[in-house]
């Protein structure tokens, strides 16, 4: 895995832990 992909996952985990991560097209879906 490249450093860029690691950074993307890290950012998404940060959003998930704060309760801000959304799934679906354009983030319009439900909470992760």
ModelCIF file with pLDDT and N, C-alpha, C, O atoms, coordinates in Angstrom:
data_MODEL
#
_entry.id   MODEL 
#
_entity.id                         1 
_entity.type                       polymer 
_entity.pdbx_number_of_molecules   1 
#
_entity_poly.entity_id                      1 
_entity_poly.type                           'polypeptide(L)' 
_entity_poly.nstd_linkage                   no 
_entity_poly.nstd_monomer                   no 
_entity_poly.pdbx_seq_one_letter_code       
;(UNK)(UNK)(UNK)(UNK)(UNK)(UNK)(UNK)(UNK)(UNK)(UNK)(UNK)(UNK)(UNK)(UNK)(UNK)(UNK)
(UNK)(UNK)(UNK)(UNK)(UNK)(UNK)(UNK)(UNK)(UNK)(UNK)(UNK)(UNK)(UNK)(UNK)(UNK)(UNK)
;
_entity_poly.pdbx_seq_one_letter_code_can   XXXXXXXXXXXXXXXXXXXXXXXXXXXXXXXX 
_entity_poly.pdbx_strand_id                 A 
#
loop_
_entity_poly_seq.entity_id 
_entity_poly_seq.num 
_entity_poly_seq.mon_id 
_entity_poly_seq.hetero 
1 1  UNK n 
1 2  UNK n 
1 3  UNK n 
1 4  UNK n 
1 5  UNK n 
1 6  UNK n 
1 7  UNK n 
1 8  UNK n 
1 9  UNK n 
1 10 UNK n 
1 11 UNK n 
1 12 UNK n 
1 13 UNK n 
1 14 UNK n 
1 15 UNK n 
1 16 UNK n 
1 17 UNK n 
1 18 UNK n 
1 19 UNK n 
1 20 UNK n 
1 21 UNK n 
1 22 UNK n 
1 23 UNK n 
1 24 UNK n 
1 25 UNK n 
1 26 UNK n 
1 27 UNK n 
1 28 UNK n 
1 29 UNK n 
1 30 UNK n 
1 31 UNK n 
1 32 UNK n 
#
_struct_asym.id          A 
_struct_asym.entity_id   1 
#
loop_
_ma_qa_metric.id 
_ma_qa_metric.mode 
_ma_qa_metric.name 
_ma_qa_metric.software_group_id 
_ma_qa_metric.type 
1 global pLDDT . pLDDT 
2 local  pLDDT . pLDDT 
#
_ma_qa_metric_global.metric_id      1 
_ma_qa_metric_global.metric_value   89.12 
_ma_qa_metric_global.model_id       1 
_ma_qa_metric_global.ordinal_id     1 
#
loop_
_ma_qa_metric_local.label_asym_id 
_ma_qa_metric_local.label_comp_id 
_ma_qa_metric_local.label_seq_id 
_ma_qa_metric_local.metric_id 
_ma_qa_metric_local.metric_value 
_ma_qa_metric_local.model_id 
_ma_qa_metric_local.ordinal_id 
A UNK 1  2 89.00 1 1  
A UNK 2  2 92.00 1 2  
A UNK 3  2 93.00 1 3  
A UNK 4  2 92.00 1 4  
A UNK 5  2 94.00 1 5  
A UNK 6  2 94.00 1 6  
A UNK 7  2 95.00 1 7  
A UNK 8  2 95.00 1 8  
A UNK 9  2 95.00 1 9  
A UNK 10 2 95.00 1 10 
A UNK 11 2 95.00 1 11 
A UNK 12 2 95.00 1 12 
A UNK 13 2 96.00 1 13 
A UNK 14 2 96.00 1 14 
A UNK 15 2 94.00 1 15 
A UNK 16 2 95.00 1 16 
A UNK 17 2 95.00 1 17 
A UNK 18 2 95.00 1 18 
A UNK 19 2 93.00 1 19 
A UNK 20 2 91.00 1 20 
A UNK 21 2 90.00 1 21 
A UNK 22 2 88.00 1 22 
A UNK 23 2 86.00 1 23 
A UNK 24 2 81.00 1 24 
A UNK 25 2 77.00 1 25 
A UNK 26 2 71.00 1 26 
A UNK 27 2 65.00 1 27 
A UNK 28 2 72.00 1 28 
A UNK 29 2 78.00 1 29 
A UNK 30 2 86.00 1 30 
A UNK 31 2 89.00 1 31 
A UNK 32 2 90.00 1 32 
#
loop_
_atom_site.group_PDB 
_atom_site.id 
_atom_site.type_symbol 
_atom_site.label_atom_id 
_atom_site.label_alt_id 
_atom_site.label_comp_id 
_atom_site.label_asym_id 
_atom_site.label_entity_id 
_atom_site.label_seq_id 
_atom_site.pdbx_PDB_ins_code 
_atom_site.Cartn_x 
_atom_site.Cartn_y 
_atom_site.Cartn_z 
_atom_site.occupancy 
_atom_site.B_iso_or_equiv 
_atom_site.pdbx_formal_charge 
_atom_site.auth_seq_id 
_atom_site.auth_comp_id 
_atom_site.auth_asym_id 
_atom_site.auth_atom_id 
_atom_site.pdbx_PDB_model_num 
ATOM 1   N N  . UNK A 1 1  ? 0.856   -1.179 0.000  1.00 89.00 ? 1  UNK A N  1 
ATOM 2   C CA . UNK A 1 1  ? 0.000   0.000  0.000  1.00 89.00 ? 1  UNK A CA 1 
ATOM 3   C C  . UNK A 1 1  ? 0.893   1.230  0.000  1.00 89.00 ? 1  UNK A C  1 
ATOM 4   O O  . UNK A 1 1  ? 1.882   1.276  0.732  1.00 89.00 ? 1  UNK A O  1 
ATOM 5   N N  . UNK A 1 2  ? 0.557   2.230  -0.816 1.00 92.00 ? 2  UNK A N  1 
ATOM 6   C CA . UNK A 1 2  ? 1.354   3.444  -0.882 1.00 92.00 ? 2  UNK A CA 1 
ATOM 7   C C  . UNK A 1 2  ? 1.079   4.329  0.338  1.00 92.00 ? 2  UNK A C  1 
ATOM 8   O O  . UNK A 1 2  ? 0.120   4.111  1.078  1.00 92.00 ? 2  UNK A O  1 
ATOM 9   N N  . UNK A 1 3  ? 1.935   5.322  0.526  1.00 93.00 ? 3  UNK A N  1 
ATOM 10  C CA . UNK A 1 3  ? 1.761   6.270  1.632  1.00 93.00 ? 3  UNK A CA 1 
ATOM 11  C C  . UNK A 1 3  ? 0.460   7.051  1.452  1.00 93.00 ? 3  UNK A C  1 
ATOM 12  O O  . UNK A 1 3  ? -0.230  7.354  2.426  1.00 93.00 ? 3  UNK A O  1 
ATOM 13  N N  . UNK A 1 4  ? 0.130   7.376  0.192  1.00 92.00 ? 4  UNK A N  1 
ATOM 14  C CA . UNK A 1 4  ? -1.102  8.115  -0.085 1.00 92.00 ? 4  UNK A CA 1 
ATOM 15  C C  . UNK A 1 4  ? -2.336  7.347  0.336  1.00 92.00 ? 4  UNK A C  1 
ATOM 16  O O  . UNK A 1 4  ? -3.284  7.923  0.871  1.00 92.00 ? 4  UNK A O  1 
ATOM 17  N N  . UNK A 1 5  ? -2.324  6.029  0.090  1.00 94.00 ? 5  UNK A N  1 
ATOM 18  C CA . UNK A 1 5  ? -3.484  5.219  0.471  1.00 94.00 ? 5  UNK A CA 1 
ATOM 19  C C  . UNK A 1 5  ? -3.572  5.109  1.993  1.00 94.00 ? 5  UNK A C  1 
ATOM 20  O O  . UNK A 1 5  ? -4.669  5.096  2.552  1.00 94.00 ? 5  UNK A O  1 
ATOM 21  N N  . UNK A 1 6  ? -2.438  5.030  2.654  1.00 94.00 ? 6  UNK A N  1 
ATOM 22  C CA . UNK A 1 6  ? -2.430  4.980  4.116  1.00 94.00 ? 6  UNK A CA 1 
ATOM 23  C C  . UNK A 1 6  ? -3.009  6.267  4.699  1.00 94.00 ? 6  UNK A C  1 
ATOM 24  O O  . UNK A 1 6  ? -3.732  6.237  5.695  1.00 94.00 ? 6  UNK A O  1 
ATOM 25  N N  . UNK A 1 7  ? -2.684  7.390  4.072  1.00 95.00 ? 7  UNK A N  1 
ATOM 26  C CA . UNK A 1 7  ? -3.180  8.683  4.540  1.00 95.00 ? 7  UNK A CA 1 
ATOM 27  C C  . UNK A 1 7  ? -4.701  8.782  4.356  1.00 95.00 ? 7  UNK A C  1 
ATOM 28  O O  . UNK A 1 7  ? -5.402  9.310  5.220  1.00 95.00 ? 7  UNK A O  1 
ATOM 29  N N  . UNK A 1 8  ? -5.206  8.270  3.223  1.00 95.00 ? 8  UNK A N  1 
ATOM 30  C CA . UNK A 1 8  ? -6.646  8.280  2.968  1.00 95.00 ? 8  UNK A CA 1 
ATOM 31  C C  . UNK A 1 8  ? -7.386  7.470  4.036  1.00 95.00 ? 8  UNK A C  1 
ATOM 32  O O  . UNK A 1 8  ? -8.405  7.913  4.564  1.00 95.00 ? 8  UNK A O  1 
ATOM 33  N N  . UNK A 1 9  ? -6.863  6.280  4.348  1.00 95.00 ? 9  UNK A N  1 
ATOM 34  C CA . UNK A 1 9  ? -7.501  5.428  5.350  1.00 95.00 ? 9  UNK A CA 1 
ATOM 35  C C  . UNK A 1 9  ? -7.441  6.096  6.721  1.00 95.00 ? 9  UNK A C  1 
ATOM 36  O O  . UNK A 1 9  ? -8.407  6.052  7.482  1.00 95.00 ? 9  UNK A O  1 
ATOM 37  N N  . UNK A 1 10 ? -6.305  6.715  7.032  1.00 95.00 ? 10 UNK A N  1 
ATOM 38  C CA . UNK A 1 10 ? -6.148  7.408  8.313  1.00 95.00 ? 10 UNK A CA 1 
ATOM 39  C C  . UNK A 1 10 ? -7.180  8.537  8.445  1.00 95.00 ? 10 UNK A C  1 
ATOM 40  O O  . UNK A 1 10 ? -7.796  8.705  9.497  1.00 95.00 ? 10 UNK A O  1 
ATOM 41  N N  . UNK A 1 11 ? -7.359  9.309  7.361  1.00 95.00 ? 11 UNK A N  1 
ATOM 42  C CA . UNK A 1 11 ? -8.332  10.404 7.387  1.00 95.00 ? 11 UNK A CA 1 
ATOM 43  C C  . UNK A 1 11 ? -9.755  9.885  7.560  1.00 95.00 ? 11 UNK A C  1 
ATOM 44  O O  . UNK A 1 11 ? -10.549 10.460 8.303  1.00 95.00 ? 11 UNK A O  1 
ATOM 45  N N  . UNK A 1 12 ? -10.069 8.787  6.862  1.00 95.00 ? 12 UNK A N  1 
ATOM 46  C CA . UNK A 1 12 ? -11.411 8.217  6.963  1.00 95.00 ? 12 UNK A CA 1 
ATOM 47  C C  . UNK A 1 12 ? -11.669 7.679  8.371  1.00 95.00 ? 12 UNK A C  1 
ATOM 48  O O  . UNK A 1 12 ? -12.771 7.829  8.897  1.00 95.00 ? 12 UNK A O  1 
ATOM 49  N N  . UNK A 1 13 ? -10.665 7.055  8.983  1.00 96.00 ? 13 UNK A N  1 
ATOM 50  C CA . UNK A 1 13 ? -10.812 6.554  10.349 1.00 96.00 ? 13 UNK A CA 1 
ATOM 51  C C  . UNK A 1 13 ? -11.027 7.714  11.322 1.00 96.00 ? 13 UNK A C  1 
ATOM 52  O O  . UNK A 1 13 ? -11.786 7.597  12.284 1.00 96.00 ? 13 UNK A O  1 
ATOM 53  N N  . UNK A 1 14 ? -10.353 8.827  11.062 1.00 96.00 ? 14 UNK A N  1 
ATOM 54  C CA . UNK A 1 14 ? -10.511 10.021 11.895 1.00 96.00 ? 14 UNK A CA 1 
ATOM 55  C C  . UNK A 1 14 ? -11.962 10.500 11.828 1.00 96.00 ? 14 UNK A C  1 
ATOM 56  O O  . UNK A 1 14 ? -12.573 10.810 12.850 1.00 96.00 ? 14 UNK A O  1 
ATOM 57  N N  . UNK A 1 15 ? -12.508 10.555 10.599 1.00 94.00 ? 15 UNK A N  1 
ATOM 58  C CA . UNK A 1 15 ? -13.910 10.973 10.431 1.00 94.00 ? 15 UNK A CA 1 
ATOM 59  C C  . UNK A 1 15 ? -14.853 9.977  11.105 1.00 94.00 ? 15 UNK A C  1 
ATOM 60  O O  . UNK A 1 15 ? -15.835 10.373 11.733 1.00 94.00 ? 15 UNK A O  1 
ATOM 61  N N  . UNK A 1 16 ? -14.550 8.680  10.973 1.00 95.00 ? 16 UNK A N  1 
ATOM 62  C CA . UNK A 1 16 ? -15.386 7.634  11.568 1.00 95.00 ? 16 UNK A CA 1 
ATOM 63  C C  . UNK A 1 16 ? -15.433 7.776  13.090 1.00 95.00 ? 16 UNK A C  1 
ATOM 64  O O  . UNK A 1 16 ? -16.501 7.683  13.696 1.00 95.00 ? 16 UNK A O  1 
ATOM 65  N N  . UNK A 1 17 ? -14.278 7.999  13.696 1.00 95.00 ? 17 UNK A N  1 
ATOM 66  C CA . UNK A 1 17 ? -14.211 8.099  15.156 1.00 95.00 ? 17 UNK A CA 1 
ATOM 67  C C  . UNK A 1 17 ? -14.944 9.331  15.674 1.00 95.00 ? 17 UNK A C  1 
ATOM 68  O O  . UNK A 1 17 ? -15.437 9.334  16.802 1.00 95.00 ? 17 UNK A O  1 
ATOM 69  N N  . UNK A 1 18 ? -15.015 10.377 14.851 1.00 95.00 ? 18 UNK A N  1 
ATOM 70  C CA . UNK A 1 18 ? -15.724 11.599 15.241 1.00 95.00 ? 18 UNK A CA 1 
ATOM 71  C C  . UNK A 1 18 ? -17.208 11.524 14.880 1.00 95.00 ? 18 UNK A C  1 
ATOM 72  O O  . UNK A 1 18 ? -17.971 12.435 15.199 1.00 95.00 ? 18 UNK A O  1 
ATOM 73  N N  . UNK A 1 19 ? -17.625 10.423 14.206 1.00 93.00 ? 19 UNK A N  1 
ATOM 74  C CA . UNK A 1 19 ? -19.026 10.257 13.834 1.00 93.00 ? 19 UNK A CA 1 
ATOM 75  C C  . UNK A 1 19 ? -19.424 11.041 12.610 1.00 93.00 ? 19 UNK A C  1 
ATOM 76  O O  . UNK A 1 19 ? -20.613 11.280 12.396 1.00 93.00 ? 19 UNK A O  1 
ATOM 77  N N  . UNK A 1 20 ? -18.445 11.459 11.779 1.00 91.00 ? 20 UNK A N  1 
ATOM 78  C CA . UNK A 1 20 ? -18.723 12.287 10.607 1.00 91.00 ? 20 UNK A CA 1 
ATOM 79  C C  . UNK A 1 20 ? -18.674 11.505 9.300  1.00 91.00 ? 20 UNK A C  1 
ATOM 80  O O  . UNK A 1 20 ? -19.022 12.048 8.252  1.00 91.00 ? 20 UNK A O  1 
ATOM 81  N N  . UNK A 1 21 ? -18.247 10.234 9.335  1.00 90.00 ? 21 UNK A N  1 
ATOM 82  C CA . UNK A 1 21 ? -18.095 9.439  8.116  1.00 90.00 ? 21 UNK A CA 1 
ATOM 83  C C  . UNK A 1 21 ? -19.462 9.047  7.570  1.00 90.00 ? 21 UNK A C  1 
ATOM 84  O O  . UNK A 1 21 ? -20.340 8.599  8.307  1.00 90.00 ? 21 UNK A O  1 
ATOM 85  N N  . UNK A 1 22 ? -19.621 9.229  6.254  1.00 88.00 ? 22 UNK A N  1 
ATOM 86  C CA . UNK A 1 22 ? -20.866 8.868  5.586  1.00 88.00 ? 22 UNK A CA 1 
ATOM 87  C C  . UNK A 1 22 ? -20.548 7.920  4.451  1.00 88.00 ? 22 UNK A C  1 
ATOM 88  O O  . UNK A 1 22 ? -19.480 8.002  3.844  1.00 88.00 ? 22 UNK A O  1 
ATOM 89  N N  . UNK A 1 23 ? -21.485 7.011  4.160  1.00 86.00 ? 23 UNK A N  1 
ATOM 90  C CA . UNK A 1 23 ? -21.303 6.082  3.055  1.00 86.00 ? 23 UNK A CA 1 
ATOM 91  C C  . UNK A 1 23 ? -22.240 6.473  1.927  1.00 86.00 ? 23 UNK A C  1 
ATOM 92  O O  . UNK A 1 23 ? -23.187 7.233  2.132  1.00 86.00 ? 23 UNK A O  1 
ATOM 93  N N  . UNK A 1 24 ? -21.980 5.960  0.751  1.00 81.00 ? 24 UNK A N  1 
ATOM 94  C CA . UNK A 1 24 ? -22.857 6.212  -0.375 1.00 81.00 ? 24 UNK A CA 1 
ATOM 95  C C  . UNK A 1 24 ? -22.343 7.314  -1.274 1.00 81.00 ? 24 UNK A C  1 
ATOM 96  O O  . UNK A 1 24 ? -21.336 7.962  -0.990 1.00 81.00 ? 24 UNK A O  1 
ATOM 97  N N  . UNK A 1 25 ? -23.054 7.506  -2.356 1.00 77.00 ? 25 UNK A N  1 
ATOM 98  C CA . UNK A 1 25 ? -22.654 8.467  -3.388 1.00 77.00 ? 25 UNK A CA 1 
ATOM 99  C C  . UNK A 1 25 ? -22.617 9.887  -2.826 1.00 77.00 ? 25 UNK A C  1 
ATOM 100 O O  . UNK A 1 25 ? -23.625 10.393 -2.334 1.00 77.00 ? 25 UNK A O  1 
ATOM 101 N N  . UNK A 1 26 ? -21.468 10.513 -2.903 1.00 71.00 ? 26 UNK A N  1 
ATOM 102 C CA . UNK A 1 26 ? -21.334 11.893 -2.448 1.00 71.00 ? 26 UNK A CA 1 
ATOM 103 C C  . UNK A 1 26 ? -21.492 12.068 -0.957 1.00 71.00 ? 26 UNK A C  1 
ATOM 104 O O  . UNK A 1 26 ? -21.691 13.188 -0.487 1.00 71.00 ? 26 UNK A O  1 
ATOM 105 N N  . UNK A 1 27 ? -21.405 10.969 -0.188 1.00 65.00 ? 27 UNK A N  1 
ATOM 106 C CA . UNK A 1 27 ? -21.541 11.062 1.263  1.00 65.00 ? 27 UNK A CA 1 
ATOM 107 C C  . UNK A 1 27 ? -22.966 11.314 1.722  1.00 65.00 ? 27 UNK A C  1 
ATOM 108 O O  . UNK A 1 27 ? -23.193 11.731 2.857  1.00 65.00 ? 27 UNK A O  1 
ATOM 109 N N  . UNK A 1 28 ? -23.940 11.059 0.827  1.00 72.00 ? 28 UNK A N  1 
ATOM 110 C CA . UNK A 1 28 ? -25.338 11.307 1.175  1.00 72.00 ? 28 UNK A CA 1 
ATOM 111 C C  . UNK A 1 28 ? -25.972 10.136 1.904  1.00 72.00 ? 28 UNK A C  1 
ATOM 112 O O  . UNK A 1 28 ? -27.088 10.250 2.411  1.00 72.00 ? 28 UNK A O  1 
ATOM 113 N N  . UNK A 1 29 ? -25.277 9.019  1.960  1.00 78.00 ? 29 UNK A N  1 
ATOM 114 C CA . UNK A 1 29 ? -25.829 7.822  2.584  1.00 78.00 ? 29 UNK A CA 1 
ATOM 115 C C  . UNK A 1 29 ? -25.844 7.911  4.098  1.00 78.00 ? 29 UNK A C  1 
ATOM 116 O O  . UNK A 1 29 ? -25.673 8.981  4.682  1.00 78.00 ? 29 UNK A O  1 
ATOM 117 N N  . UNK A 1 30 ? -26.050 6.774  4.706  1.00 86.00 ? 30 UNK A N  1 
ATOM 118 C CA . UNK A 1 30 ? -26.140 6.725  6.163  1.00 86.00 ? 30 UNK A CA 1 
ATOM 119 C C  . UNK A 1 30 ? -24.785 6.803  6.838  1.00 86.00 ? 30 UNK A C  1 
ATOM 120 O O  . UNK A 1 30 ? -23.741 6.845  6.187  1.00 86.00 ? 30 UNK A O  1 
ATOM 121 N N  . UNK A 1 31 ? -24.831 6.821  8.143  1.00 89.00 ? 31 UNK A N  1 
ATOM 122 C CA . UNK A 1 31 ? -23.620 6.871  8.950  1.00 89.00 ? 31 UNK A CA 1 
ATOM 123 C C  . UNK A 1 31 ? -22.863 5.557  8.842  1.00 89.00 ? 31 UNK A C  1 
ATOM 124 O O  . UNK A 1 31 ? -23.464 4.485  8.756  1.00 89.00 ? 31 UNK A O  1 
ATOM 125 N N  . UNK A 1 32 ? -21.546 5.651  8.847  1.00 90.00 ? 32 UNK A N  1 
ATOM 126 C CA . UNK A 1 32 ? -20.703 4.455  8.833  1.00 90.00 ? 32 UNK A CA 1 
ATOM 127 C C  . UNK A 1 32 ? -20.719 3.876  10.236 1.00 90.00 ? 32 UNK A C  1 
ATOM 128 O O  . UNK A 1 32 ? -20.079 2.855  10.490 1.00 90.00 ? 32 UNK A O  1 
#
